[in-house]
Every structure is written in C-alpha cells, then in structure tokens.
Amino acid sequence: MWRLFSACALLTLLAGCASHDIDPRGYNETGSASYYGAKHQGKRTASGERFDMNSLTAAHRNLPFGTRLLVTNLGNDKSVEVRVNDRGPHTRGRLIDLSRQAAQQLGMLGTGVARVRVQALND
C-alpha cells in the first residue's frame, strides 16, 4: 500500500512540474501589464538567465522562453518588442510583467500598470 501511495504522490508531483507552454503563433491578447525592476536585479529568472531591468524582457505564464512579443500600451499607443525569459506575473488579473526598461519605453513607469495588447512576433 505504501508503494502505491508513494508512486501516486510522485506522479502528482511530476505532473505539477510539467511545462504548460502554449503555441505562440497567432498569440494576440489584451490585458493588464505591470513591471519589475531593482528589487529583482541580478536574480535568476525561470529561464536561468539573470534578470536585467535595463533589458527588454518579460515574464509570461505560458509562452515559451525566447518568444518575441510586441507589447502596445493602449493608453498612449507606444510599443516595445520584448523577449520572454521569466514566468509570471504572480498577481491575479495581470497578463504580463515587463522589465523596467520596457515599461519606460511604454510610458507606464508613473502608473506602474497599463492596459496593453500583447502580440507574438514571427521568427
């Protein structure tokens, strides 16, 4: 009985660690964006690289690492191209977390949050 329980527990754990990446082709979503910066500077991202708040990167829950995205601030029509290198956002209701540099280019540093359109770019 103990072996059966252990096997079930292991399978449950492994299933929870499985990748839930989605196909980025045709990805086009509208939602809320936020940004992260100095507090996370130099820490490892989910992809293994170090976070650089001055680079043009983003965190997305499901898009594969390396996916290039065009993010447009719907409030001012400014756009920036970013690369997914982390997982997040960890706040409910948010679509994407951006590096500080990306947020600056979108003109959202003052508010911290903006309504955006996120579109995958073809490689």
C-alpha atoms as a PDB file:
ATOM      1  CA  MET A   1       0.000   0.000   0.000  1.00  0.00           C
ATOM      2  CA  TRP A   2       2.842   2.359   0.894  1.00  0.00           C
ATOM      3  CA  ARG A   3       4.464   1.825  -2.535  1.00  0.00           C
ATOM      4  CA  LEU A   4       1.193   2.648  -4.307  1.00  0.00           C
ATOM      5  CA  PHE A   5       0.805   5.817  -2.276  1.00  0.00           C
ATOM      6  CA  SER A   6       4.430   6.820  -2.966  1.00  0.00           C
ATOM      7  CA  ALA A   7       4.033   6.193  -6.697  1.00  0.00           C
ATOM      8  CA  CYS A   8       0.838   8.287  -6.844  1.00  0.00           C
ATOM      9  CA  ALA A   9       2.496  11.110  -4.907  1.00  0.00           C
ATOM     10  CA  LEU A  10       5.497  11.088  -7.248  1.00  0.00           C
ATOM     11  CA  LEU A  11       3.310  11.149 -10.370  1.00  0.00           C
ATOM     12  CA  THR A  12       1.265  14.031  -8.954  1.00  0.00           C
ATOM     13  CA  LEU A  13       4.445  15.985  -8.229  1.00  0.00           C
ATOM     14  CA  LEU A  14       5.844  15.368 -11.710  1.00  0.00           C
ATOM     15  CA  ALA A  15       2.566  16.364 -13.367  1.00  0.00           C
ATOM     16  CA  GLY A  16       2.644  19.648 -11.468  1.00  0.00           C
ATOM     17  CA  CYS A  17       6.137  20.369 -12.772  1.00  0.00           C
ATOM     18  CA  ALA A  18       5.230  19.703 -16.399  1.00  0.00           C
ATOM     19  CA  SER A  19       5.518  22.553 -18.849  1.00  0.00           C
ATOM     20  CA  HIS A  20       2.303  24.286 -19.786  1.00  0.00           C
ATOM     21  CA  ASP A  21       3.757  26.290 -22.688  1.00  0.00           C
ATOM     22  CA  ILE A  22       1.326  27.374 -25.355  1.00  0.00           C
ATOM     23  CA  ASP A  23       1.957  27.791 -29.061  1.00  0.00           C
ATOM     24  CA  PRO A  24       2.864  31.447 -29.599  1.00  0.00           C
ATOM     25  CA  ARG A  25       1.828  31.512 -33.271  1.00  0.00           C
ATOM     26  CA  GLY A  26      -1.040  33.940 -33.637  1.00  0.00           C
ATOM     27  CA  TYR A  27      -0.949  34.926 -29.952  1.00  0.00           C
ATOM     28  CA  ASN A  28      -2.823  38.225 -29.577  1.00  0.00           C
ATOM     29  CA  GLU A  29      -4.226  39.115 -26.156  1.00  0.00           C
ATOM     30  CA  THR A  30      -5.289  42.268 -24.361  1.00  0.00           C
ATOM     31  CA  GLY A  31      -4.870  42.697 -20.630  1.00  0.00           C
ATOM     32  CA  SER A  32      -3.047  44.368 -17.792  1.00  0.00           C
ATOM     33  CA  ALA A  33       0.734  44.765 -17.646  1.00  0.00           C
ATOM     34  CA  SER A  34       2.972  45.643 -14.730  1.00  0.00           C
ATOM     35  CA  TYR A  35       6.731  45.848 -14.385  1.00  0.00           C
ATOM     36  CA  TYR A  36       9.510  44.749 -12.072  1.00  0.00           C
ATOM     37  CA  GLY A  37      12.899  46.303 -11.587  1.00  0.00           C
ATOM     38  CA  ALA A  38      15.601  46.987  -8.994  1.00  0.00           C
ATOM     39  CA  LYS A  39      14.293  44.564  -6.348  1.00  0.00           C
ATOM     40  CA  HIS A  40      14.864  41.667  -8.770  1.00  0.00           C
ATOM     41  CA  GLN A  41      18.029  42.955 -10.467  1.00  0.00           C
ATOM     42  CA  GLY A  42      20.589  40.181 -10.939  1.00  0.00           C
ATOM     43  CA  LYS A  43      18.359  37.384  -9.637  1.00  0.00           C
ATOM     44  CA  ARG A  44      17.860  34.262 -11.733  1.00  0.00           C
ATOM     45  CA  THR A  45      14.781  34.167 -13.920  1.00  0.00           C
ATOM     46  CA  ALA A  46      12.791  30.995 -14.545  1.00  0.00           C
ATOM     47  CA  SER A  47      14.770  30.512 -17.773  1.00  0.00           C
ATOM     48  CA  GLY A  48      18.032  30.508 -15.807  1.00  0.00           C
ATOM     49  CA  GLU A  49      19.401  33.824 -17.019  1.00  0.00           C
ATOM     50  CA  ARG A  50      19.946  36.756 -14.686  1.00  0.00           C
ATOM     51  CA  PHE A  51      17.284  39.453 -14.646  1.00  0.00           C
ATOM     52  CA  ASP A  52      18.423  42.780 -16.083  1.00  0.00           C
ATOM     53  CA  MET A  53      15.921  45.562 -15.510  1.00  0.00           C
ATOM     54  CA  ASN A  54      17.596  47.539 -18.321  1.00  0.00           C
ATOM     55  CA  SER A  55      16.951  44.884 -20.965  1.00  0.00           C
ATOM     56  CA  LEU A  56      13.771  44.414 -22.990  1.00  0.00           C
ATOM     57  CA  THR A  57      12.387  41.253 -21.402  1.00  0.00           C
ATOM     58  CA  ALA A  58       9.131  39.999 -19.955  1.00  0.00           C
ATOM     59  CA  ALA A  59       7.548  37.366 -17.758  1.00  0.00           C
ATOM     60  CA  HIS A  60       4.578  35.403 -19.082  1.00  0.00           C
ATOM     61  CA  ARG A  61       2.810  32.442 -17.503  1.00  0.00           C
ATOM     62  CA  ASN A  62       2.690  30.150 -20.535  1.00  0.00           C
ATOM     63  CA  LEU A  63       4.512  31.437 -23.603  1.00  0.00           C
ATOM     64  CA  PRO A  64       7.794  29.623 -24.309  1.00  0.00           C
ATOM     65  CA  PHE A  65      11.066  31.229 -23.258  1.00  0.00           C
ATOM     66  CA  GLY A  66      12.571  33.173 -26.141  1.00  0.00           C
ATOM     67  CA  THR A  67       9.212  34.168 -27.639  1.00  0.00           C
ATOM     68  CA  ARG A  68       9.417  37.677 -29.041  1.00  0.00           C
ATOM     69  CA  LEU A  69       6.402  39.871 -28.317  1.00  0.00           C
ATOM     70  CA  LEU A  70       5.165  43.256 -29.418  1.00  0.00           C
ATOM     71  CA  VAL A  71       3.583  44.975 -26.416  1.00  0.00           C
ATOM     72  CA  THR A  72       1.470  48.084 -27.076  1.00  0.00           C
ATOM     73  CA  ASN A  73       0.247  50.446 -24.369  1.00  0.00           C
ATOM     74  CA  LEU A  74      -3.391  51.031 -25.331  1.00  0.00           C
ATOM     75  CA  GLY A  75      -3.458  54.299 -23.372  1.00  0.00           C
ATOM     76  CA  ASN A  76      -0.799  56.072 -25.451  1.00  0.00           C
ATOM     77  CA  ASP A  77      -0.170  53.737 -28.428  1.00  0.00           C
ATOM     78  CA  LYS A  78       3.536  53.306 -27.581  1.00  0.00           C
ATOM     79  CA  SER A  79       5.010  49.886 -28.400  1.00  0.00           C
ATOM     80  CA  VAL A  80       8.070  47.873 -27.459  1.00  0.00           C
ATOM     81  CA  GLU A  81       9.461  44.499 -28.511  1.00  0.00           C
ATOM     82  CA  VAL A  82      10.365  42.171 -25.635  1.00  0.00           C
ATOM     83  CA  ARG A  83      11.598  38.598 -25.194  1.00  0.00           C
ATOM     84  CA  VAL A  84      10.031  36.171 -22.707  1.00  0.00           C
ATOM     85  CA  ASN A  85      12.652  34.971 -20.218  1.00  0.00           C
ATOM     86  CA  ASP A  86      10.677  34.525 -16.997  1.00  0.00           C
ATOM     87  CA  ARG A  87       7.428  33.200 -15.554  1.00  0.00           C
ATOM     88  CA  GLY A  88       4.781  35.478 -14.124  1.00  0.00           C
ATOM     89  CA  PRO A  89       3.035  37.682 -13.402  1.00  0.00           C
ATOM     90  CA  HIS A  90       2.239  36.391  -9.947  1.00  0.00           C
ATOM     91  CA  THR A  91      -0.561  38.903  -9.421  1.00  0.00           C
ATOM     92  CA  ARG A  92      -4.034  37.731 -10.364  1.00  0.00           C
ATOM     93  CA  GLY A  93      -5.552  39.517 -13.345  1.00  0.00           C
ATOM     94  CA  ARG A  94      -2.257  40.527 -14.954  1.00  0.00           C
ATOM     95  CA  LEU A  95      -1.295  39.319 -18.413  1.00  0.00           C
ATOM     96  CA  ILE A  96       2.416  40.161 -18.467  1.00  0.00           C
ATOM     97  CA  ASP A  97       5.230  41.573 -16.335  1.00  0.00           C
ATOM     98  CA  LEU A  98       7.766  43.749 -18.116  1.00  0.00           C
ATOM     99  CA  SER A  99      11.308  44.789 -17.320  1.00  0.00           C
ATOM    100  CA  ARG A 100      11.713  48.369 -16.107  1.00  0.00           C
ATOM    101  CA  GLN A 101      13.254  49.401 -19.449  1.00  0.00           C
ATOM    102  CA  ALA A 102      10.276  48.014 -21.396  1.00  0.00           C
ATOM    103  CA  ALA A 103       7.853  49.770 -19.044  1.00  0.00           C
ATOM    104  CA  GLN A 104       9.750  53.029 -19.501  1.00  0.00           C
ATOM    105  CA  GLN A 105       9.506  52.777 -23.279  1.00  0.00           C
ATOM    106  CA  LEU A 106       5.760  52.168 -22.927  1.00  0.00           C
ATOM    107  CA  GLY A 107       5.393  55.245 -20.720  1.00  0.00           C
ATOM    108  CA  MET A 108       3.977  53.336 -17.747  1.00  0.00           C
ATOM    109  CA  LEU A 109       6.549  53.951 -15.007  1.00  0.00           C
ATOM    110  CA  GLY A 110       4.359  56.528 -13.296  1.00  0.00           C
ATOM    111  CA  THR A 111       1.278  54.363 -13.024  1.00  0.00           C
ATOM    112  CA  GLY A 112       3.034  51.006 -12.697  1.00  0.00           C
ATOM    113  CA  VAL A 113       0.227  49.253 -14.553  1.00  0.00           C
ATOM    114  CA  ALA A 114      -1.169  49.716 -18.059  1.00  0.00           C
ATOM    115  CA  ARG A 115      -3.734  48.143 -20.344  1.00  0.00           C
ATOM    116  CA  VAL A 116      -1.780  46.509 -23.185  1.00  0.00           C
ATOM    117  CA  ARG A 117      -2.082  44.379 -26.282  1.00  0.00           C
ATOM    118  CA  VAL A 118       0.460  41.539 -26.492  1.00  0.00           C
ATOM    119  CA  GLN A 119       1.182  40.031 -29.897  1.00  0.00           C
ATOM    120  CA  ALA A 120       3.660  37.296 -30.733  1.00  0.00           C
ATOM    121  CA  LEU A 121       6.124  38.152 -33.476  1.00  0.00           C
ATOM    122  CA  ASN A 122       7.081  35.614 -36.104  1.00  0.00           C
ATOM    123  CA  ASP A 123      10.684  34.440 -36.017  1.00  0.00           C
END
